[in-house]
Amino acid sequence: FTPQRLPIPIEQVESVDSICKRFKTGAMSYG
């Protein structure tokens, strides 16, 4: 990673609830 000169304000980062909506499990079948 190349460090940025200025950190991103926390207000501009998605909330935890929003980020978790992007998470999925892999396709592992019942069986």
mmCIF file of all heavy atoms, coordinates in Angstrom:
data_MODEL
# 
_entry.id   MODEL 
# 
loop_
_atom_site.group_PDB 
_atom_site.id 
_atom_site.type_symbol 
_atom_site.label_atom_id 
_atom_site.label_alt_id 
_atom_site.label_comp_id 
_atom_site.label_asym_id 
_atom_site.label_entity_id 
_atom_site.label_seq_id 
_atom_site.pdbx_PDB_ins_code 
_atom_site.Cartn_x 
_atom_site.Cartn_y 
_atom_site.Cartn_z 
_atom_site.occupancy 
_atom_site.B_iso_or_equiv 
_atom_site.pdbx_formal_charge 
_atom_site.auth_seq_id 
_atom_site.auth_comp_id 
_atom_site.auth_asym_id 
_atom_site.auth_atom_id 
_atom_site.pdbx_PDB_model_num 
ATOM 1   N N   . PHE A 1 1  ? 0.833   -1.193  0.000  1.00 0.00 ? 1  PHE A N   1 
ATOM 2   C CA  . PHE A 1 1  ? 0.000   0.000   0.000  1.00 0.00 ? 1  PHE A CA  1 
ATOM 3   C C   . PHE A 1 1  ? 0.875   1.253   0.000  1.00 0.00 ? 1  PHE A C   1 
ATOM 4   O O   . PHE A 1 1  ? 1.866   1.329   0.733  1.00 0.00 ? 1  PHE A O   1 
ATOM 5   C CB  . PHE A 1 1  ? -0.905  0.030   1.231  1.00 0.00 ? 1  PHE A CB  1 
ATOM 6   C CG  . PHE A 1 1  ? -1.925  -1.075  1.253  1.00 0.00 ? 1  PHE A CG  1 
ATOM 7   C CD1 . PHE A 1 1  ? -1.805  -2.143  2.130  1.00 0.00 ? 1  PHE A CD1 1 
ATOM 8   C CD2 . PHE A 1 1  ? -3.015  -1.050  0.397  1.00 0.00 ? 1  PHE A CD2 1 
ATOM 9   C CE1 . PHE A 1 1  ? -2.739  -3.153  2.156  1.00 0.00 ? 1  PHE A CE1 1 
ATOM 10  C CE2 . PHE A 1 1  ? -3.953  -2.061  0.408  1.00 0.00 ? 1  PHE A CE2 1 
ATOM 11  C CZ  . PHE A 1 1  ? -3.816  -3.111  1.283  1.00 0.00 ? 1  PHE A CZ  1 
ATOM 12  N N   . THR A 1 2  ? 0.507   2.224   -0.818 1.00 0.00 ? 2  THR A N   1 
ATOM 13  C CA  . THR A 1 2  ? 1.183   3.510   -0.808 1.00 0.00 ? 2  THR A CA  1 
ATOM 14  C C   . THR A 1 2  ? 0.392   4.447   0.094  1.00 0.00 ? 2  THR A C   1 
ATOM 15  O O   . THR A 1 2  ? -0.775  4.754   -0.189 1.00 0.00 ? 2  THR A O   1 
ATOM 16  C CB  . THR A 1 2  ? 1.253   4.114   -2.230 1.00 0.00 ? 2  THR A CB  1 
ATOM 17  O OG1 . THR A 1 2  ? 1.962   3.210   -3.071 1.00 0.00 ? 2  THR A OG1 1 
ATOM 18  C CG2 . THR A 1 2  ? 1.958   5.458   -2.213 1.00 0.00 ? 2  THR A CG2 1 
ATOM 19  N N   . PRO A 1 3  ? 0.979   4.916   1.193  1.00 0.00 ? 3  PRO A N   1 
ATOM 20  C CA  . PRO A 1 3  ? 0.230   5.749   2.136  1.00 0.00 ? 3  PRO A CA  1 
ATOM 21  C C   . PRO A 1 3  ? -0.245  7.050   1.487  1.00 0.00 ? 3  PRO A C   1 
ATOM 22  O O   . PRO A 1 3  ? 0.476   7.666   0.710  1.00 0.00 ? 3  PRO A O   1 
ATOM 23  C CB  . PRO A 1 3  ? 1.241   6.028   3.248  1.00 0.00 ? 3  PRO A CB  1 
ATOM 24  C CG  . PRO A 1 3  ? 2.409   5.178   2.979  1.00 0.00 ? 3  PRO A CG  1 
ATOM 25  C CD  . PRO A 1 3  ? 2.364   4.712   1.587  1.00 0.00 ? 3  PRO A CD  1 
ATOM 26  N N   . GLN A 1 4  ? -1.466  7.440   1.802  1.00 0.00 ? 4  GLN A N   1 
ATOM 27  C CA  . GLN A 1 4  ? -1.962  8.723   1.329  1.00 0.00 ? 4  GLN A CA  1 
ATOM 28  C C   . GLN A 1 4  ? -1.427  9.848   2.212  1.00 0.00 ? 4  GLN A C   1 
ATOM 29  O O   . GLN A 1 4  ? -1.106  9.644   3.388  1.00 0.00 ? 4  GLN A O   1 
ATOM 30  C CB  . GLN A 1 4  ? -3.488  8.747   1.358  1.00 0.00 ? 4  GLN A CB  1 
ATOM 31  C CG  . GLN A 1 4  ? -4.137  7.881   0.295  1.00 0.00 ? 4  GLN A CG  1 
ATOM 32  C CD  . GLN A 1 4  ? -5.628  8.148   0.224  1.00 0.00 ? 4  GLN A CD  1 
ATOM 33  O OE1 . GLN A 1 4  ? -6.237  8.496   1.216  1.00 0.00 ? 4  GLN A OE1 1 
ATOM 34  N NE2 . GLN A 1 4  ? -6.195  7.981   -0.962 1.00 0.00 ? 4  GLN A NE2 1 
ATOM 35  N N   . ARG A 1 5  ? -1.348  11.020  1.637  1.00 0.00 ? 5  ARG A N   1 
ATOM 36  C CA  . ARG A 1 5  ? -0.873  12.155  2.423  1.00 0.00 ? 5  ARG A CA  1 
ATOM 37  C C   . ARG A 1 5  ? -1.886  12.526  3.504  1.00 0.00 ? 5  ARG A C   1 
ATOM 38  O O   . ARG A 1 5  ? -1.517  12.912  4.604  1.00 0.00 ? 5  ARG A O   1 
ATOM 39  C CB  . ARG A 1 5  ? -0.607  13.351  1.501  1.00 0.00 ? 5  ARG A CB  1 
ATOM 40  C CG  . ARG A 1 5  ? 0.523   13.116  0.507  1.00 0.00 ? 5  ARG A CG  1 
ATOM 41  C CD  . ARG A 1 5  ? 0.767   14.342  -0.342 1.00 0.00 ? 5  ARG A CD  1 
ATOM 42  N NE  . ARG A 1 5  ? 1.853   14.126  -1.300 1.00 0.00 ? 5  ARG A NE  1 
ATOM 43  C CZ  . ARG A 1 5  ? 2.264   15.034  -2.174 1.00 0.00 ? 5  ARG A CZ  1 
ATOM 44  N NH1 . ARG A 1 5  ? 1.663   16.216  -2.229 1.00 0.00 ? 5  ARG A NH1 1 
ATOM 45  N NH2 . ARG A 1 5  ? 3.253   14.762  -2.999 1.00 0.00 ? 5  ARG A NH2 1 
ATOM 46  N N   . LEU A 1 6  ? -3.166  12.439  3.141  1.00 0.00 ? 6  LEU A N   1 
ATOM 47  C CA  . LEU A 1 6  ? -4.210  12.792  4.094  1.00 0.00 ? 6  LEU A CA  1 
ATOM 48  C C   . LEU A 1 6  ? -5.113  11.590  4.330  1.00 0.00 ? 6  LEU A C   1 
ATOM 49  O O   . LEU A 1 6  ? -5.566  10.964  3.364  1.00 0.00 ? 6  LEU A O   1 
ATOM 50  C CB  . LEU A 1 6  ? -5.040  13.972  3.569  1.00 0.00 ? 6  LEU A CB  1 
ATOM 51  C CG  . LEU A 1 6  ? -4.291  15.297  3.382  1.00 0.00 ? 6  LEU A CG  1 
ATOM 52  C CD1 . LEU A 1 6  ? -5.205  16.319  2.725  1.00 0.00 ? 6  LEU A CD1 1 
ATOM 53  C CD2 . LEU A 1 6  ? -3.762  15.809  4.713  1.00 0.00 ? 6  LEU A CD2 1 
ATOM 54  N N   . PRO A 1 7  ? -5.391  11.251  5.562  1.00 0.00 ? 7  PRO A N   1 
ATOM 55  C CA  . PRO A 1 7  ? -6.303  10.124  5.837  1.00 0.00 ? 7  PRO A CA  1 
ATOM 56  C C   . PRO A 1 7  ? -7.729  10.478  5.425  1.00 0.00 ? 7  PRO A C   1 
ATOM 57  O O   . PRO A 1 7  ? -8.118  11.646  5.387  1.00 0.00 ? 7  PRO A O   1 
ATOM 58  C CB  . PRO A 1 7  ? -6.185  9.942   7.351  1.00 0.00 ? 7  PRO A CB  1 
ATOM 59  C CG  . PRO A 1 7  ? -5.772  11.288  7.870  1.00 0.00 ? 7  PRO A CG  1 
ATOM 60  C CD  . PRO A 1 7  ? -4.892  11.872  6.804  1.00 0.00 ? 7  PRO A CD  1 
ATOM 61  N N   . ILE A 1 8  ? -8.495  9.449   5.101  1.00 0.00 ? 8  ILE A N   1 
ATOM 62  C CA  . ILE A 1 8  ? -9.890  9.651   4.725  1.00 0.00 ? 8  ILE A CA  1 
ATOM 63  C C   . ILE A 1 8  ? -10.719 9.900   5.983  1.00 0.00 ? 8  ILE A C   1 
ATOM 64  O O   . ILE A 1 8  ? -10.645 9.113   6.934  1.00 0.00 ? 8  ILE A O   1 
ATOM 65  C CB  . ILE A 1 8  ? -10.428 8.420   3.971  1.00 0.00 ? 8  ILE A CB  1 
ATOM 66  C CG1 . ILE A 1 8  ? -9.630  8.189   2.691  1.00 0.00 ? 8  ILE A CG1 1 
ATOM 67  C CG2 . ILE A 1 8  ? -11.907 8.582   3.644  1.00 0.00 ? 8  ILE A CG2 1 
ATOM 68  C CD1 . ILE A 1 8  ? -9.999  6.916   1.966  1.00 0.00 ? 8  ILE A CD1 1 
ATOM 69  N N   . PRO A 1 9  ? -11.505 10.945  6.035  1.00 0.00 ? 9  PRO A N   1 
ATOM 70  C CA  . PRO A 1 9  ? -12.358 11.204  7.207  1.00 0.00 ? 9  PRO A CA  1 
ATOM 71  C C   . PRO A 1 9  ? -13.314 10.037  7.439  1.00 0.00 ? 9  PRO A C   1 
ATOM 72  O O   . PRO A 1 9  ? -13.857 9.466   6.475  1.00 0.00 ? 9  PRO A O   1 
ATOM 73  C CB  . PRO A 1 9  ? -13.119 12.481  6.834  1.00 0.00 ? 9  PRO A CB  1 
ATOM 74  C CG  . PRO A 1 9  ? -12.270 13.134  5.786  1.00 0.00 ? 9  PRO A CG  1 
ATOM 75  C CD  . PRO A 1 9  ? -11.625 12.017  5.031  1.00 0.00 ? 9  PRO A CD  1 
ATOM 76  N N   . ILE A 1 10 ? -13.522 9.665   8.677  1.00 0.00 ? 10 ILE A N   1 
ATOM 77  C CA  . ILE A 1 10 ? -14.367 8.525   9.008  1.00 0.00 ? 10 ILE A CA  1 
ATOM 78  C C   . ILE A 1 10 ? -15.793 8.720   8.506  1.00 0.00 ? 10 ILE A C   1 
ATOM 79  O O   . ILE A 1 10 ? -16.497 7.763   8.195  1.00 0.00 ? 10 ILE A O   1 
ATOM 80  C CB  . ILE A 1 10 ? -14.358 8.271   10.541 1.00 0.00 ? 10 ILE A CB  1 
ATOM 81  C CG1 . ILE A 1 10 ? -15.023 6.931   10.877 1.00 0.00 ? 10 ILE A CG1 1 
ATOM 82  C CG2 . ILE A 1 10 ? -15.043 9.416   11.274 1.00 0.00 ? 10 ILE A CG2 1 
ATOM 83  C CD1 . ILE A 1 10 ? -14.312 5.734   10.336 1.00 0.00 ? 10 ILE A CD1 1 
ATOM 84  N N   . GLU A 1 11 ? -16.225 9.966   8.377  1.00 0.00 ? 11 GLU A N   1 
ATOM 85  C CA  . GLU A 1 11 ? -17.580 10.237  7.893  1.00 0.00 ? 11 GLU A CA  1 
ATOM 86  C C   . GLU A 1 11 ? -17.764 9.801   6.447  1.00 0.00 ? 11 GLU A C   1 
ATOM 87  O O   . GLU A 1 11 ? -18.888 9.598   5.985  1.00 0.00 ? 11 GLU A O   1 
ATOM 88  C CB  . GLU A 1 11 ? -17.901 11.736  8.028  1.00 0.00 ? 11 GLU A CB  1 
ATOM 89  C CG  . GLU A 1 11 ? -17.998 12.236  9.465  1.00 0.00 ? 11 GLU A CG  1 
ATOM 90  C CD  . GLU A 1 11 ? -16.633 12.452  10.092 1.00 0.00 ? 11 GLU A CD  1 
ATOM 91  O OE1 . GLU A 1 11 ? -15.630 12.470  9.319  1.00 0.00 ? 11 GLU A OE1 1 
ATOM 92  O OE2 . GLU A 1 11 ? -16.555 12.571  11.326 1.00 0.00 ? 11 GLU A OE2 1 
ATOM 93  N N   . GLN A 1 12 ? -16.662 9.703   5.688  1.00 0.00 ? 12 GLN A N   1 
ATOM 94  C CA  . GLN A 1 12 ? -16.741 9.321   4.286  1.00 0.00 ? 12 GLN A CA  1 
ATOM 95  C C   . GLN A 1 12 ? -16.645 7.805   4.080  1.00 0.00 ? 12 GLN A C   1 
ATOM 96  O O   . GLN A 1 12 ? -16.749 7.319   2.956  1.00 0.00 ? 12 GLN A O   1 
ATOM 97  C CB  . GLN A 1 12 ? -15.633 10.013  3.490  1.00 0.00 ? 12 GLN A CB  1 
ATOM 98  C CG  . GLN A 1 12 ? -15.740 11.530  3.467  1.00 0.00 ? 12 GLN A CG  1 
ATOM 99  C CD  . GLN A 1 12 ? -14.635 12.172  2.652  1.00 0.00 ? 12 GLN A CD  1 
ATOM 100 O OE1 . GLN A 1 12 ? -13.959 11.506  1.857  1.00 0.00 ? 12 GLN A OE1 1 
ATOM 101 N NE2 . GLN A 1 12 ? -14.432 13.468  2.842  1.00 0.00 ? 12 GLN A NE2 1 
ATOM 102 N N   . VAL A 1 13 ? -16.443 7.088   5.162  1.00 0.00 ? 13 VAL A N   1 
ATOM 103 C CA  . VAL A 1 13 ? -16.319 5.627   5.083  1.00 0.00 ? 13 VAL A CA  1 
ATOM 104 C C   . VAL A 1 13 ? -17.681 4.995   5.350  1.00 0.00 ? 13 VAL A C   1 
ATOM 105 O O   . VAL A 1 13 ? -18.436 5.447   6.205  1.00 0.00 ? 13 VAL A O   1 
ATOM 106 C CB  . VAL A 1 13 ? -15.284 5.109   6.106  1.00 0.00 ? 13 VAL A CB  1 
ATOM 107 C CG1 . VAL A 1 13 ? -15.185 3.588   6.039  1.00 0.00 ? 13 VAL A CG1 1 
ATOM 108 C CG2 . VAL A 1 13 ? -13.938 5.756   5.860  1.00 0.00 ? 13 VAL A CG2 1 
ATOM 109 N N   . GLU A 1 14 ? -17.998 3.940   4.610  1.00 0.00 ? 14 GLU A N   1 
ATOM 110 C CA  . GLU A 1 14 ? -19.271 3.251   4.830  1.00 0.00 ? 14 GLU A CA  1 
ATOM 111 C C   . GLU A 1 14 ? -19.375 2.729   6.260  1.00 0.00 ? 14 GLU A C   1 
ATOM 112 O O   . GLU A 1 14 ? -18.372 2.363   6.888  1.00 0.00 ? 14 GLU A O   1 
ATOM 113 C CB  . GLU A 1 14 ? -19.405 2.069   3.866  1.00 0.00 ? 14 GLU A CB  1 
ATOM 114 C CG  . GLU A 1 14 ? -19.695 2.447   2.434  1.00 0.00 ? 14 GLU A CG  1 
ATOM 115 C CD  . GLU A 1 14 ? -20.051 1.222   1.598  1.00 0.00 ? 14 GLU A CD  1 
ATOM 116 O OE1 . GLU A 1 14 ? -20.810 0.357   2.077  1.00 0.00 ? 14 GLU A OE1 1 
ATOM 117 O OE2 . GLU A 1 14 ? -19.563 1.125   0.463  1.00 0.00 ? 14 GLU A OE2 1 
ATOM 118 N N   . SER A 1 15 ? -20.585 2.668   6.751  1.00 0.00 ? 15 SER A N   1 
ATOM 119 C CA  . SER A 1 15 ? -20.811 2.118   8.081  1.00 0.00 ? 15 SER A CA  1 
ATOM 120 C C   . SER A 1 15 ? -20.562 0.614   8.079  1.00 0.00 ? 15 SER A C   1 
ATOM 121 O O   . SER A 1 15 ? -20.529 -0.024  7.027  1.00 0.00 ? 15 SER A O   1 
ATOM 122 C CB  . SER A 1 15 ? -22.249 2.403   8.528  1.00 0.00 ? 15 SER A CB  1 
ATOM 123 O OG  . SER A 1 15 ? -23.156 1.682   7.711  1.00 0.00 ? 15 SER A OG  1 
ATOM 124 N N   . VAL A 1 16 ? -20.396 0.061   9.265  1.00 0.00 ? 16 VAL A N   1 
ATOM 125 C CA  . VAL A 1 16 ? -20.181 -1.384  9.386  1.00 0.00 ? 16 VAL A CA  1 
ATOM 126 C C   . VAL A 1 16 ? -21.378 -2.146  8.824  1.00 0.00 ? 16 VAL A C   1 
ATOM 127 O O   . VAL A 1 16 ? -21.219 -3.148  8.115  1.00 0.00 ? 16 VAL A O   1 
ATOM 128 C CB  . VAL A 1 16 ? -19.938 -1.766  10.862 1.00 0.00 ? 16 VAL A CB  1 
ATOM 129 C CG1 . VAL A 1 16 ? -19.922 -3.283  11.024 1.00 0.00 ? 16 VAL A CG1 1 
ATOM 130 C CG2 . VAL A 1 16 ? -18.640 -1.161  11.362 1.00 0.00 ? 16 VAL A CG2 1 
ATOM 131 N N   . ASP A 1 17 ? -22.592 -1.669  9.133  1.00 0.00 ? 17 ASP A N   1 
ATOM 132 C CA  . ASP A 1 17 ? -23.784 -2.342  8.620  1.00 0.00 ? 17 ASP A CA  1 
ATOM 133 C C   . ASP A 1 17 ? -23.782 -2.379  7.097  1.00 0.00 ? 17 ASP A C   1 
ATOM 134 O O   . ASP A 1 17 ? -24.128 -3.395  6.482  1.00 0.00 ? 17 ASP A O   1 
ATOM 135 C CB  . ASP A 1 17 ? -25.045 -1.623  9.116  1.00 0.00 ? 17 ASP A CB  1 
ATOM 136 C CG  . ASP A 1 17 ? -25.295 -1.853  10.593 1.00 0.00 ? 17 ASP A CG  1 
ATOM 137 O OD1 . ASP A 1 17 ? -24.850 -2.897  11.093 1.00 0.00 ? 17 ASP A OD1 1 
ATOM 138 O OD2 . ASP A 1 17 ? -25.926 -1.005  11.236 1.00 0.00 ? 17 ASP A OD2 1 
ATOM 139 N N   . SER A 1 18 ? -23.373 -1.280  6.480  1.00 0.00 ? 18 SER A N   1 
ATOM 140 C CA  . SER A 1 18 ? -23.352 -1.205  5.023  1.00 0.00 ? 18 SER A CA  1 
ATOM 141 C C   . SER A 1 18 ? -22.284 -2.118  4.431  1.00 0.00 ? 18 SER A C   1 
ATOM 142 O O   . SER A 1 18 ? -22.512 -2.792  3.415  1.00 0.00 ? 18 SER A O   1 
ATOM 143 C CB  . SER A 1 18 ? -23.112 0.240   4.579  1.00 0.00 ? 18 SER A CB  1 
ATOM 144 O OG  . SER A 1 18 ? -23.034 0.337   3.175  1.00 0.00 ? 18 SER A OG  1 
ATOM 145 N N   . ILE A 1 19 ? -21.112 -2.162  5.062  1.00 0.00 ? 19 ILE A N   1 
ATOM 146 C CA  . ILE A 1 19 ? -20.023 -3.010  4.569  1.00 0.00 ? 19 ILE A CA  1 
ATOM 147 C C   . ILE A 1 19 ? -20.395 -4.488  4.674  1.00 0.00 ? 19 ILE A C   1 
ATOM 148 O O   . ILE A 1 19 ? -20.131 -5.277  3.756  1.00 0.00 ? 19 ILE A O   1 
ATOM 149 C CB  . ILE A 1 19 ? -18.721 -2.723  5.347  1.00 0.00 ? 19 ILE A CB  1 
ATOM 150 C CG1 . ILE A 1 19 ? -18.212 -1.311  5.013  1.00 0.00 ? 19 ILE A CG1 1 
ATOM 151 C CG2 . ILE A 1 19 ? -17.647 -3.754  5.013  1.00 0.00 ? 19 ILE A CG2 1 
ATOM 152 C CD1 . ILE A 1 19 ? -17.032 -0.873  5.846  1.00 0.00 ? 19 ILE A CD1 1 
ATOM 153 N N   . CYS A 1 20 ? -21.041 -4.870  5.770  1.00 0.00 ? 20 CYS A N   1 
ATOM 154 C CA  . CYS A 1 20 ? -21.392 -6.280  5.967  1.00 0.00 ? 20 CYS A CA  1 
ATOM 155 C C   . CYS A 1 20 ? -22.395 -6.771  4.934  1.00 0.00 ? 20 CYS A C   1 
ATOM 156 O O   . CYS A 1 20 ? -22.476 -7.967  4.659  1.00 0.00 ? 20 CYS A O   1 
ATOM 157 C CB  . CYS A 1 20 ? -21.934 -6.496  7.381  1.00 0.00 ? 20 CYS A CB  1 
ATOM 158 S SG  . CYS A 1 20 ? -20.655 -6.458  8.662  1.00 0.00 ? 20 CYS A SG  1 
ATOM 159 N N   . LYS A 1 21 ? -23.161 -5.861  4.347  1.00 0.00 ? 21 LYS A N   1 
ATOM 160 C CA  . LYS A 1 21 ? -24.096 -6.259  3.291  1.00 0.00 ? 21 LYS A CA  1 
ATOM 161 C C   . LYS A 1 21 ? -23.363 -6.721  2.039  1.00 0.00 ? 21 LYS A C   1 
ATOM 162 O O   . LYS A 1 21 ? -23.949 -7.358  1.173  1.00 0.00 ? 21 LYS A O   1 
ATOM 163 C CB  . LYS A 1 21 ? -25.022 -5.094  2.950  1.00 0.00 ? 21 LYS A CB  1 
ATOM 164 C CG  . LYS A 1 21 ? -26.011 -4.754  4.058  1.00 0.00 ? 21 LYS A CG  1 
ATOM 165 C CD  . LYS A 1 21 ? -26.870 -3.557  3.684  1.00 0.00 ? 21 LYS A CD  1 
ATOM 166 C CE  . LYS A 1 21 ? -27.841 -3.222  4.814  1.00 0.00 ? 21 LYS A CE  1 
ATOM 167 N NZ  . LYS A 1 21 ? -28.667 -2.023  4.496  1.00 0.00 ? 21 LYS A NZ  1 
ATOM 168 N N   . ARG A 1 22 ? -22.090 -6.391  1.944  1.00 0.00 ? 22 ARG A N   1 
ATOM 169 C CA  . ARG A 1 22 ? -21.274 -6.798  0.793  1.00 0.00 ? 22 ARG A CA  1 
ATOM 170 C C   . ARG A 1 22 ? -20.656 -8.187  0.993  1.00 0.00 ? 22 ARG A C   1 
ATOM 171 O O   . ARG A 1 22 ? -20.038 -8.724  0.088  1.00 0.00 ? 22 ARG A O   1 
ATOM 172 C CB  . ARG A 1 22 ? -20.158 -5.785  0.559  1.00 0.00 ? 22 ARG A CB  1 
ATOM 173 C CG  . ARG A 1 22 ? -20.645 -4.369  0.273  1.00 0.00 ? 22 ARG A CG  1 
ATOM 174 C CD  . ARG A 1 22 ? -19.452 -3.415  0.153  1.00 0.00 ? 22 ARG A CD  1 
ATOM 175 N NE  . ARG A 1 22 ? -19.876 -2.046  -0.108 1.00 0.00 ? 22 ARG A NE  1 
ATOM 176 C CZ  . ARG A 1 22 ? -20.073 -1.539  -1.324 1.00 0.00 ? 22 ARG A CZ  1 
ATOM 177 N NH1 . ARG A 1 22 ? -19.888 -2.291  -2.379 1.00 0.00 ? 22 ARG A NH1 1 
ATOM 178 N NH2 . ARG A 1 22 ? -20.442 -0.278  -1.482 1.00 0.00 ? 22 ARG A NH2 1 
ATOM 179 N N   . PHE A 1 23 ? -20.793 -8.757  2.185  1.00 0.00 ? 23 PHE A N   1 
ATOM 180 C CA  . PHE A 1 23 ? -20.179 -10.046 2.494  1.00 0.00 ? 23 PHE A CA  1 
ATOM 181 C C   . PHE A 1 23 ? -21.121 -11.192 2.155  1.00 0.00 ? 23 PHE A C   1 
ATOM 182 O O   . PHE A 1 23 ? -22.323 -11.140 2.411  1.00 0.00 ? 23 PHE A O   1 
ATOM 183 C CB  . PHE A 1 23 ? -19.795 -10.122 3.967  1.00 0.00 ? 23 PHE A CB  1 
ATOM 184 C CG  . PHE A 1 23 ? -18.708 -9.169  4.366  1.00 0.00 ? 23 PHE A CG  1 
ATOM 185 C CD1 . PHE A 1 23 ? -18.559 -8.779  5.699  1.00 0.00 ? 23 PHE A CD1 1 
ATOM 186 C CD2 . PHE A 1 23 ? -17.830 -8.645  3.428  1.00 0.00 ? 23 PHE A CD2 1 
ATOM 187 C CE1 . PHE A 1 23 ? -17.559 -7.906  6.071  1.00 0.00 ? 23 PHE A CE1 1 
ATOM 188 C CE2 . PHE A 1 23 ? -16.831 -7.762  3.794  1.00 0.00 ? 23 PHE A CE2 1 
ATOM 189 C CZ  . PHE A 1 23 ? -16.685 -7.390  5.119  1.00 0.00 ? 23 PHE A CZ  1 
ATOM 190 N N   . LYS A 1 24 ? -20.538 -12.262 1.590  1.00 0.00 ? 24 LYS A N   1 
ATOM 191 C CA  . LYS A 1 24 ? -21.309 -13.435 1.215  1.00 0.00 ? 24 LYS A CA  1 
ATOM 192 C C   . LYS A 1 24 ? -20.536 -14.692 1.589  1.00 0.00 ? 24 LYS A C   1 
ATOM 193 O O   . LYS A 1 24 ? -19.321 -14.647 1.791  1.00 0.00 ? 24 LYS A O   1 
ATOM 194 C CB  . LYS A 1 24 ? -21.572 -13.443 -0.303 1.00 0.00 ? 24 LYS A CB  1 
ATOM 195 C CG  . LYS A 1 24 ? -22.306 -12.215 -0.825 1.00 0.00 ? 24 LYS A CG  1 
ATOM 196 C CD  . LYS A 1 24 ? -22.454 -12.273 -2.335 1.00 0.00 ? 24 LYS A CD  1 
ATOM 197 C CE  . LYS A 1 24 ? -23.252 -11.094 -2.871 1.00 0.00 ? 24 LYS A CE  1 
ATOM 198 N NZ  . LYS A 1 24 ? -23.399 -11.136 -4.346 1.00 0.00 ? 24 LYS A NZ  1 
ATOM 199 N N   . THR A 1 25 ? -21.244 -15.794 1.674  1.00 0.00 ? 25 THR A N   1 
ATOM 200 C CA  . THR A 1 25 ? -20.548 -17.065 1.843  1.00 0.00 ? 25 THR A CA  1 
ATOM 201 C C   . THR A 1 25 ? -20.319 -17.665 0.464  1.00 0.00 ? 25 THR A C   1 
ATOM 202 O O   . THR A 1 25 ? -21.045 -17.380 -0.484 1.00 0.00 ? 25 THR A O   1 
ATOM 203 C CB  . THR A 1 25 ? -21.351 -18.070 2.695  1.00 0.00 ? 25 THR A CB  1 
ATOM 204 O OG1 . THR A 1 25 ? -22.511 -18.494 1.963  1.00 0.00 ? 25 THR A OG1 1 
ATOM 205 C CG2 . THR A 1 25 ? -21.790 -17.439 4.009  1.00 0.00 ? 25 THR A CG2 1 
ATOM 206 N N   . GLY A 1 26 ? -19.295 -18.504 0.369  1.00 0.00 ? 26 GLY A N   1 
ATOM 207 C CA  . GLY A 1 26 ? -19.047 -19.199 -0.884 1.00 0.00 ? 26 GLY A CA  1 
ATOM 208 C C   . GLY A 1 26 ? -20.146 -20.217 -1.147 1.00 0.00 ? 26 GLY A C   1 
ATOM 209 O O   . GLY A 1 26 ? -20.934 -20.558 -0.261 1.00 0.00 ? 26 GLY A O   1 
ATOM 210 N N   . ALA A 1 27 ? -20.197 -20.706 -2.377 1.00 0.00 ? 27 ALA A N   1 
ATOM 211 C CA  . ALA A 1 27 ? -21.235 -21.665 -2.770 1.00 0.00 ? 27 ALA A CA  1 
ATOM 212 C C   . ALA A 1 27 ? -20.872 -23.053 -2.268 1.00 0.00 ? 27 ALA A C   1 
ATOM 213 O O   . ALA A 1 27 ? -20.201 -23.824 -2.946 1.00 0.00 ? 27 ALA A O   1 
ATOM 214 C CB  . ALA A 1 27 ? -21.402 -21.659 -4.282 1.00 0.00 ? 27 ALA A CB  1 
ATOM 215 N N   . MET A 1 28 ? -21.320 -23.368 -1.054 1.00 0.00 ? 28 MET A N   1 
ATOM 216 C CA  . MET A 1 28 ? -21.074 -24.680 -0.452 1.00 0.00 ? 28 MET A CA  1 
ATOM 217 C C   . MET A 1 28 ? -22.429 -25.336 -0.214 1.00 0.00 ? 28 MET A C   1 
ATOM 218 O O   . MET A 1 28 ? -23.237 -24.848 0.563  1.00 0.00 ? 28 MET A O   1 
ATOM 219 C CB  . MET A 1 28 ? -20.298 -24.520 0.856  1.00 0.00 ? 28 MET A CB  1 
ATOM 220 C CG  . MET A 1 28 ? -18.939 -23.875 0.651  1.00 0.00 ? 28 MET A CG  1 
ATOM 221 S SD  . MET A 1 28 ? -18.054 -23.491 2.180  1.00 0.00 ? 28 MET A SD  1 
ATOM 222 C CE  . MET A 1 28 ? -18.948 -22.039 2.751  1.00 0.00 ? 28 MET A CE  1 
ATOM 223 N N   . SER A 1 29 ? -22.690 -26.431 -0.897 1.00 0.00 ? 29 SER A N   1 
ATOM 224 C CA  . SER A 1 29 ? -24.038 -26.986 -0.950 1.00 0.00 ? 29 SER A CA  1 
ATOM 225 C C   . SER A 1 29 ? -24.410 -27.774 0.295  1.00 0.00 ? 29 SER A C   1 
ATOM 226 O O   . SER A 1 29 ? -23.555 -28.274 1.041  1.00 0.00 ? 29 SER A O   1 
ATOM 227 C CB  . SER A 1 29 ? -24.182 -27.884 -2.179 1.00 0.00 ? 29 SER A CB  1 
ATOM 228 O OG  . SER A 1 29 ? -23.407 -29.061 -2.019 1.00 0.00 ? 29 SER A OG  1 
ATOM 229 N N   . TYR A 1 30 ? -25.738 -27.862 0.491  1.00 0.00 ? 30 TYR A N   1 
ATOM 230 C CA  . TYR A 1 30 ? -26.279 -28.781 1.490  1.00 0.00 ? 30 TYR A CA  1 
ATOM 231 C C   . TYR A 1 30 ? -26.154 -30.170 0.888  1.00 0.00 ? 30 TYR A C   1 
ATOM 232 O O   . TYR A 1 30 ? -26.824 -30.513 -0.080 1.00 0.00 ? 30 TYR A O   1 
ATOM 233 C CB  . TYR A 1 30 ? -27.736 -28.432 1.782  1.00 0.00 ? 30 TYR A CB  1 
ATOM 234 C CG  . TYR A 1 30 ? -28.458 -29.453 2.641  1.00 0.00 ? 30 TYR A CG  1 
ATOM 235 C CD1 . TYR A 1 30 ? -27.883 -29.939 3.806  1.00 0.00 ? 30 TYR A CD1 1 
ATOM 236 C CD2 . TYR A 1 30 ? -29.716 -29.934 2.286  1.00 0.00 ? 30 TYR A CD2 1 
ATOM 237 C CE1 . TYR A 1 30 ? -28.540 -30.870 4.592  1.00 0.00 ? 30 TYR A CE1 1 
ATOM 238 C CE2 . TYR A 1 30 ? -30.384 -30.852 3.064  1.00 0.00 ? 30 TYR A CE2 1 
ATOM 239 C CZ  . TYR A 1 30 ? -29.789 -31.326 4.217  1.00 0.00 ? 30 TYR A CZ  1 
ATOM 240 O OH  . TYR A 1 30 ? -30.427 -32.260 5.000  1.00 0.00 ? 30 TYR A OH  1 
ATOM 241 N N   . GLY A 1 31 ? -25.301 -30.938 1.443  1.00 0.00 ? 31 GLY A N   1 
ATOM 242 C CA  . GLY A 1 31 ? -24.919 -32.234 0.868  1.00 0.00 ? 31 GLY A CA  1 
ATOM 243 C C   . GLY A 1 31 ? -23.416 -32.344 0.999  1.00 0.00 ? 31 GLY A C   1 
ATOM 244 O O   . GLY A 1 31 ? -22.892 -33.305 1.555  1.00 0.00 ? 31 GLY A O   1 
# 
